[in-house]
Amino acid sequence: MKPDEIQNPDNIRNEDDALDQSIALNRIVMTMLQHQKETNKRIFIALIISLLMNLAIVGGFLWYESQFQWVETETTTTITQDTGEGTGNNVYQEGENAVYNQGEEVE
């Protein structure tokens, strides 16, 4: 500050107001940080509870599934193929010996 500014009492009053405002702003910031800290603690607790509930659900599902016995069975399927007799032939034929039946009626 310049010496002539010190002589002016309004400048000193403005400096005191600035100091008061700085202290007030500091208190506001400290209060906001305290509230954010409490909020973060609550969110962390909710996260832990959520994780524990998910683990309980997975454990319950695994316990439920373990109540059943799994039996392996083998299934044999026999497939008969159309040999080309009659109409509706679905056997692929090619070459000079191919016989094509188109829409003939069978009696």
N, C-alpha and C. Protein backbone atom coordinates (compact mmCIF):
# COMPACT_ATOMS: atom_id res chain seq x y z
N MET A 1 0.82 -1.17 0.00
CA MET A 1 0.00 0.00 0.00
C MET A 1 0.87 1.24 0.00
N LYS A 2 0.39 2.23 -0.63
CA LYS A 2 1.11 3.51 -0.67
C LYS A 2 0.79 4.30 0.60
N PRO A 3 1.65 5.14 0.98
CA PRO A 3 1.41 5.90 2.23
C PRO A 3 0.15 6.74 2.20
N ASP A 4 -0.23 7.31 1.05
CA ASP A 4 -1.45 8.12 1.03
C ASP A 4 -2.71 7.26 1.15
N GLU A 5 -2.63 5.99 0.77
CA GLU A 5 -3.78 5.09 0.93
C GLU A 5 -3.98 4.72 2.39
N ILE A 6 -2.90 4.68 3.16
CA ILE A 6 -3.02 4.36 4.58
C ILE A 6 -3.73 5.51 5.30
N GLN A 7 -3.52 6.70 4.86
CA GLN A 7 -4.13 7.87 5.48
C GLN A 7 -5.66 7.84 5.33
N ASN A 8 -6.15 7.22 4.24
CA ASN A 8 -7.58 7.22 3.98
C ASN A 8 -8.24 6.12 4.81
N PRO A 9 -9.17 6.43 5.73
CA PRO A 9 -9.80 5.42 6.59
C PRO A 9 -10.72 4.48 5.81
N ASP A 10 -11.24 4.90 4.66
CA ASP A 10 -12.10 4.01 3.88
C ASP A 10 -11.30 2.82 3.34
N ASN A 11 -10.05 3.05 2.98
CA ASN A 11 -9.21 1.96 2.50
C ASN A 11 -8.95 0.94 3.61
N ILE A 12 -8.73 1.42 4.81
CA ILE A 12 -8.50 0.52 5.95
C ILE A 12 -9.79 -0.27 6.24
N ARG A 13 -10.93 0.40 6.17
CA ARG A 13 -12.21 -0.27 6.41
C ARG A 13 -12.46 -1.33 5.34
N ASN A 14 -12.12 -1.06 4.10
CA ASN A 14 -12.28 -2.03 3.03
C ASN A 14 -11.38 -3.23 3.25
N GLU A 15 -10.20 -3.00 3.78
CA GLU A 15 -9.30 -4.12 4.08
C GLU A 15 -9.88 -4.97 5.20
N ASP A 16 -10.45 -4.34 6.21
CA ASP A 16 -11.07 -5.10 7.31
C ASP A 16 -12.26 -5.90 6.78
N ASP A 17 -13.05 -5.32 5.88
CA ASP A 17 -14.17 -6.03 5.28
C ASP A 17 -13.67 -7.21 4.45
N ALA A 18 -12.57 -7.00 3.76
CA ALA A 18 -12.00 -8.09 2.95
C ALA A 18 -11.56 -9.23 3.85
N LEU A 19 -10.96 -8.88 4.99
CA LEU A 19 -10.53 -9.91 5.93
C LEU A 19 -11.75 -10.65 6.50
N ASP A 20 -12.80 -9.92 6.84
CA ASP A 20 -14.02 -10.54 7.36
C ASP A 20 -14.66 -11.43 6.29
N GLN A 21 -14.68 -10.95 5.07
CA GLN A 21 -15.24 -11.75 3.99
C GLN A 21 -14.42 -13.00 3.75
N SER A 22 -13.12 -12.88 3.83
CA SER A 22 -12.24 -14.04 3.65
C SER A 22 -12.48 -15.07 4.74
N ILE A 23 -12.63 -14.60 5.97
CA ILE A 23 -12.89 -15.53 7.09
C ILE A 23 -14.26 -16.18 6.90
N ALA A 24 -15.25 -15.41 6.50
CA ALA A 24 -16.59 -15.96 6.28
C ALA A 24 -16.58 -16.99 5.15
N LEU A 25 -15.88 -16.65 4.07
CA LEU A 25 -15.78 -17.58 2.95
C LEU A 25 -15.05 -18.86 3.37
N ASN A 26 -14.02 -18.72 4.19
CA ASN A 26 -13.28 -19.88 4.69
C ASN A 26 -14.20 -20.77 5.53
N ARG A 27 -15.04 -20.16 6.36
CA ARG A 27 -15.96 -20.95 7.18
C ARG A 27 -16.98 -21.68 6.31
N ILE A 28 -17.46 -20.98 5.28
CA ILE A 28 -18.42 -21.61 4.37
C ILE A 28 -17.79 -22.80 3.67
N VAL A 29 -16.56 -22.64 3.19
CA VAL A 29 -15.87 -23.73 2.51
C VAL A 29 -15.62 -24.89 3.46
N MET A 30 -15.23 -24.59 4.69
CA MET A 30 -14.99 -25.65 5.67
C MET A 30 -16.29 -26.40 5.99
N THR A 31 -17.41 -25.67 6.08
CA THR A 31 -18.71 -26.31 6.33
C THR A 31 -19.10 -27.19 5.15
N MET A 32 -18.87 -26.70 3.92
CA MET A 32 -19.19 -27.50 2.74
C MET A 32 -18.33 -28.76 2.69
N LEU A 33 -17.06 -28.63 3.02
CA LEU A 33 -16.18 -29.81 3.04
C LEU A 33 -16.63 -30.83 4.08
N GLN A 34 -17.08 -30.34 5.24
CA GLN A 34 -17.57 -31.25 6.28
C GLN A 34 -18.82 -31.99 5.80
N HIS A 35 -19.74 -31.27 5.15
CA HIS A 35 -20.95 -31.91 4.63
C HIS A 35 -20.60 -32.92 3.53
N GLN A 36 -19.66 -32.58 2.67
CA GLN A 36 -19.25 -33.50 1.61
C GLN A 36 -18.60 -34.74 2.20
N LYS A 37 -17.84 -34.56 3.25
CA LYS A 37 -17.20 -35.70 3.92
C LYS A 37 -18.27 -36.64 4.49
N GLU A 38 -19.30 -36.08 5.10
CA GLU A 38 -20.40 -36.90 5.64
C GLU A 38 -21.15 -37.61 4.51
N THR A 39 -21.37 -36.89 3.41
CA THR A 39 -22.06 -37.48 2.27
C THR A 39 -21.25 -38.64 1.68
N ASN A 40 -19.95 -38.43 1.54
CA ASN A 40 -19.08 -39.50 1.02
C ASN A 40 -19.09 -40.72 1.94
N LYS A 41 -19.14 -40.49 3.24
CA LYS A 41 -19.20 -41.60 4.19
C LYS A 41 -20.50 -42.39 4.01
N ARG A 42 -21.62 -41.68 3.82
CA ARG A 42 -22.90 -42.36 3.61
C ARG A 42 -22.91 -43.15 2.31
N ILE A 43 -22.34 -42.57 1.25
CA ILE A 43 -22.27 -43.28 -0.03
C ILE A 43 -21.39 -44.52 0.09
N PHE A 44 -20.29 -44.42 0.81
CA PHE A 44 -19.41 -45.57 1.01
C PHE A 44 -20.13 -46.68 1.77
N ILE A 45 -20.89 -46.31 2.79
CA ILE A 45 -21.65 -47.30 3.56
C ILE A 45 -22.71 -47.95 2.66
N ALA A 46 -23.39 -47.16 1.83
CA ALA A 46 -24.39 -47.72 0.91
C ALA A 46 -23.73 -48.67 -0.09
N LEU A 47 -22.53 -48.34 -0.56
CA LEU A 47 -21.80 -49.21 -1.48
C LEU A 47 -21.45 -50.54 -0.81
N ILE A 48 -20.97 -50.49 0.40
CA ILE A 48 -20.63 -51.73 1.13
C ILE A 48 -21.88 -52.58 1.34
N ILE A 49 -22.99 -51.95 1.72
CA ILE A 49 -24.24 -52.70 1.91
C ILE A 49 -24.69 -53.33 0.59
N SER A 50 -24.57 -52.58 -0.50
CA SER A 50 -24.96 -53.11 -1.82
C SER A 50 -24.09 -54.30 -2.20
N LEU A 51 -22.80 -54.21 -1.98
CA LEU A 51 -21.91 -55.33 -2.29
C LEU A 51 -22.24 -56.56 -1.45
N LEU A 52 -22.51 -56.35 -0.17
CA LEU A 52 -22.87 -57.48 0.70
C LEU A 52 -24.19 -58.12 0.26
N MET A 53 -25.15 -57.30 -0.15
CA MET A 53 -26.42 -57.85 -0.62
C MET A 53 -26.22 -58.64 -1.91
N ASN A 54 -25.38 -58.14 -2.82
CA ASN A 54 -25.11 -58.88 -4.05
C ASN A 54 -24.44 -60.22 -3.76
N LEU A 55 -23.50 -60.23 -2.83
CA LEU A 55 -22.85 -61.49 -2.45
C LEU A 55 -23.87 -62.46 -1.83
N ALA A 56 -24.80 -61.93 -1.03
CA ALA A 56 -25.83 -62.79 -0.44
C ALA A 56 -26.74 -63.36 -1.52
N ILE A 57 -27.08 -62.57 -2.53
CA ILE A 57 -27.93 -63.06 -3.62
C ILE A 57 -27.22 -64.15 -4.40
N VAL A 58 -25.95 -63.94 -4.71
CA VAL A 58 -25.18 -64.96 -5.44
C VAL A 58 -25.06 -66.23 -4.61
N GLY A 59 -24.78 -66.08 -3.31
CA GLY A 59 -24.69 -67.25 -2.44
C GLY A 59 -26.01 -68.00 -2.36
N GLY A 60 -27.12 -67.27 -2.26
CA GLY A 60 -28.43 -67.91 -2.23
C GLY A 60 -28.74 -68.64 -3.52
N PHE A 61 -28.37 -68.03 -4.64
CA PHE A 61 -28.61 -68.68 -5.94
C PHE A 61 -27.78 -69.96 -6.06
N LEU A 62 -26.52 -69.91 -5.64
CA LEU A 62 -25.68 -71.10 -5.71
C LEU A 62 -26.21 -72.19 -4.78
N TRP A 63 -26.68 -71.81 -3.60
CA TRP A 63 -27.26 -72.79 -2.68
C TRP A 63 -28.51 -73.41 -3.30
N TYR A 64 -29.37 -72.58 -3.90
CA TYR A 64 -30.59 -73.07 -4.53
C TYR A 64 -30.28 -74.04 -5.66
N GLU A 65 -29.32 -73.70 -6.49
CA GLU A 65 -28.95 -74.58 -7.60
C GLU A 65 -28.31 -75.87 -7.12
N SER A 66 -27.67 -75.86 -5.98
CA SER A 66 -27.02 -77.07 -5.48
C SER A 66 -28.03 -78.07 -4.92
N GLN A 67 -29.29 -77.69 -4.78
CA GLN A 67 -30.32 -78.59 -4.26
C GLN A 67 -30.74 -79.64 -5.28
N PHE A 68 -30.45 -79.41 -6.54
CA PHE A 68 -30.88 -80.31 -7.59
C PHE A 68 -29.74 -81.23 -8.01
N GLN A 69 -30.10 -82.47 -8.35
CA GLN A 69 -29.11 -83.41 -8.84
C GLN A 69 -29.17 -83.43 -10.36
N TRP A 70 -28.03 -83.39 -10.96
CA TRP A 70 -27.94 -83.41 -12.41
C TRP A 70 -27.70 -84.84 -12.87
N VAL A 71 -28.53 -85.32 -13.79
CA VAL A 71 -28.41 -86.67 -14.32
C VAL A 71 -28.11 -86.54 -15.80
N GLU A 72 -27.04 -87.21 -16.21
CA GLU A 72 -26.69 -87.18 -17.63
C GLU A 72 -27.34 -88.36 -18.32
N THR A 73 -28.01 -88.08 -19.41
CA THR A 73 -28.66 -89.13 -20.19
C THR A 73 -28.18 -89.04 -21.63
N GLU A 74 -28.11 -90.19 -22.26
CA GLU A 74 -27.74 -90.22 -23.67
C GLU A 74 -28.97 -90.54 -24.49
N THR A 75 -29.20 -89.78 -25.52
CA THR A 75 -30.35 -89.97 -26.40
C THR A 75 -29.83 -90.41 -27.76
N THR A 76 -30.35 -91.53 -28.24
CA THR A 76 -29.98 -92.02 -29.56
C THR A 76 -31.12 -91.75 -30.52
N THR A 77 -30.80 -91.13 -31.63
CA THR A 77 -31.80 -90.80 -32.63
C THR A 77 -31.48 -91.53 -33.92
N THR A 78 -32.46 -92.20 -34.48
CA THR A 78 -32.27 -92.90 -35.75
C THR A 78 -32.97 -92.08 -36.83
N ILE A 79 -32.23 -91.80 -37.89
CA ILE A 79 -32.78 -91.02 -38.99
C ILE A 79 -32.79 -91.88 -40.23
N THR A 80 -33.96 -91.94 -40.88
CA THR A 80 -34.04 -92.67 -42.15
C THR A 80 -34.11 -91.66 -43.27
N GLN A 81 -33.38 -91.92 -44.31
CA GLN A 81 -33.33 -90.99 -45.42
C GLN A 81 -34.16 -91.52 -46.58
N ASP A 82 -34.84 -90.60 -47.24
CA ASP A 82 -35.62 -90.95 -48.43
C ASP A 82 -34.65 -91.43 -49.51
N THR A 83 -34.92 -92.58 -50.04
CA THR A 83 -34.01 -93.16 -51.04
C THR A 83 -34.37 -92.79 -52.46
N GLY A 84 -35.38 -92.01 -52.64
CA GLY A 84 -35.70 -91.56 -53.97
C GLY A 84 -36.81 -92.35 -54.62
N GLU A 85 -37.49 -93.19 -53.90
CA GLU A 85 -38.59 -93.96 -54.48
C GLU A 85 -39.86 -93.12 -54.42
N GLY A 86 -40.61 -93.10 -55.47
CA GLY A 86 -41.88 -92.36 -55.50
C GLY A 86 -41.64 -90.89 -55.77
N THR A 87 -42.71 -90.11 -55.61
CA THR A 87 -42.60 -88.67 -55.85
C THR A 87 -42.14 -87.97 -54.58
N GLY A 88 -41.80 -86.72 -54.71
CA GLY A 88 -41.32 -85.97 -53.56
C GLY A 88 -39.89 -86.33 -53.24
N ASN A 89 -39.16 -86.70 -54.22
CA ASN A 89 -37.78 -87.12 -54.05
C ASN A 89 -36.95 -85.94 -53.54
N ASN A 90 -36.24 -86.15 -52.42
CA ASN A 90 -35.39 -85.08 -51.91
C ASN A 90 -33.91 -85.46 -51.96
N VAL A 91 -33.59 -86.49 -52.71
CA VAL A 91 -32.20 -86.90 -52.86
C VAL A 91 -31.60 -86.13 -54.04
N TYR A 92 -30.46 -85.58 -53.82
CA TYR A 92 -29.80 -84.79 -54.86
C TYR A 92 -29.24 -85.73 -55.92
N GLN A 93 -29.63 -85.49 -57.15
CA GLN A 93 -29.15 -86.33 -58.25
C GLN A 93 -28.45 -85.44 -59.26
N GLU A 94 -27.42 -86.02 -59.87
CA GLU A 94 -26.65 -85.24 -60.83
C GLU A 94 -26.13 -86.16 -61.91
N GLY A 95 -26.00 -85.64 -63.07
CA GLY A 95 -25.37 -86.40 -64.13
C GLY A 95 -26.38 -87.01 -65.10
N GLU A 96 -25.85 -87.90 -65.98
CA GLU A 96 -26.69 -88.47 -67.04
C GLU A 96 -27.65 -89.53 -66.51
N ASN A 97 -27.41 -90.10 -65.34
CA ASN A 97 -28.29 -91.13 -64.78
C ASN A 97 -29.36 -90.55 -63.85
N ALA A 98 -29.46 -89.21 -63.76
CA ALA A 98 -30.42 -88.58 -62.86
C ALA A 98 -31.84 -88.78 -63.37
N VAL A 99 -32.77 -89.05 -62.45
CA VAL A 99 -34.17 -89.22 -62.78
C VAL A 99 -34.93 -88.12 -62.04
N TYR A 100 -35.67 -87.31 -62.77
CA TYR A 100 -36.42 -86.22 -62.18
C TYR A 100 -37.90 -86.53 -62.26
N ASN A 101 -38.57 -86.59 -61.12
CA ASN A 101 -40.01 -86.81 -61.05
C ASN A 101 -40.66 -85.50 -60.72
N GLN A 102 -41.44 -84.96 -61.64
CA GLN A 102 -42.07 -83.67 -61.38
C GLN A 102 -43.57 -83.80 -61.42
N GLY A 103 -44.18 -83.76 -60.25
CA GLY A 103 -45.61 -83.67 -60.12
C GLY A 103 -46.39 -84.85 -60.66
N GLU A 104 -45.87 -86.04 -60.68
CA GLU A 104 -46.60 -87.21 -61.14
C GLU A 104 -47.49 -87.69 -60.01
N GLU A 105 -48.68 -88.12 -60.36
CA GLU A 105 -49.58 -88.65 -59.35
C GLU A 105 -49.34 -90.14 -59.17
N VAL A 106 -49.34 -90.53 -57.93
CA VAL A 106 -49.13 -91.95 -57.61
C VAL A 106 -50.49 -92.57 -57.32
N GLU A 107 -50.76 -93.75 -57.95
CA GLU A 107 -52.04 -94.41 -57.73
C GLU A 107 -51.91 -95.54 -56.79
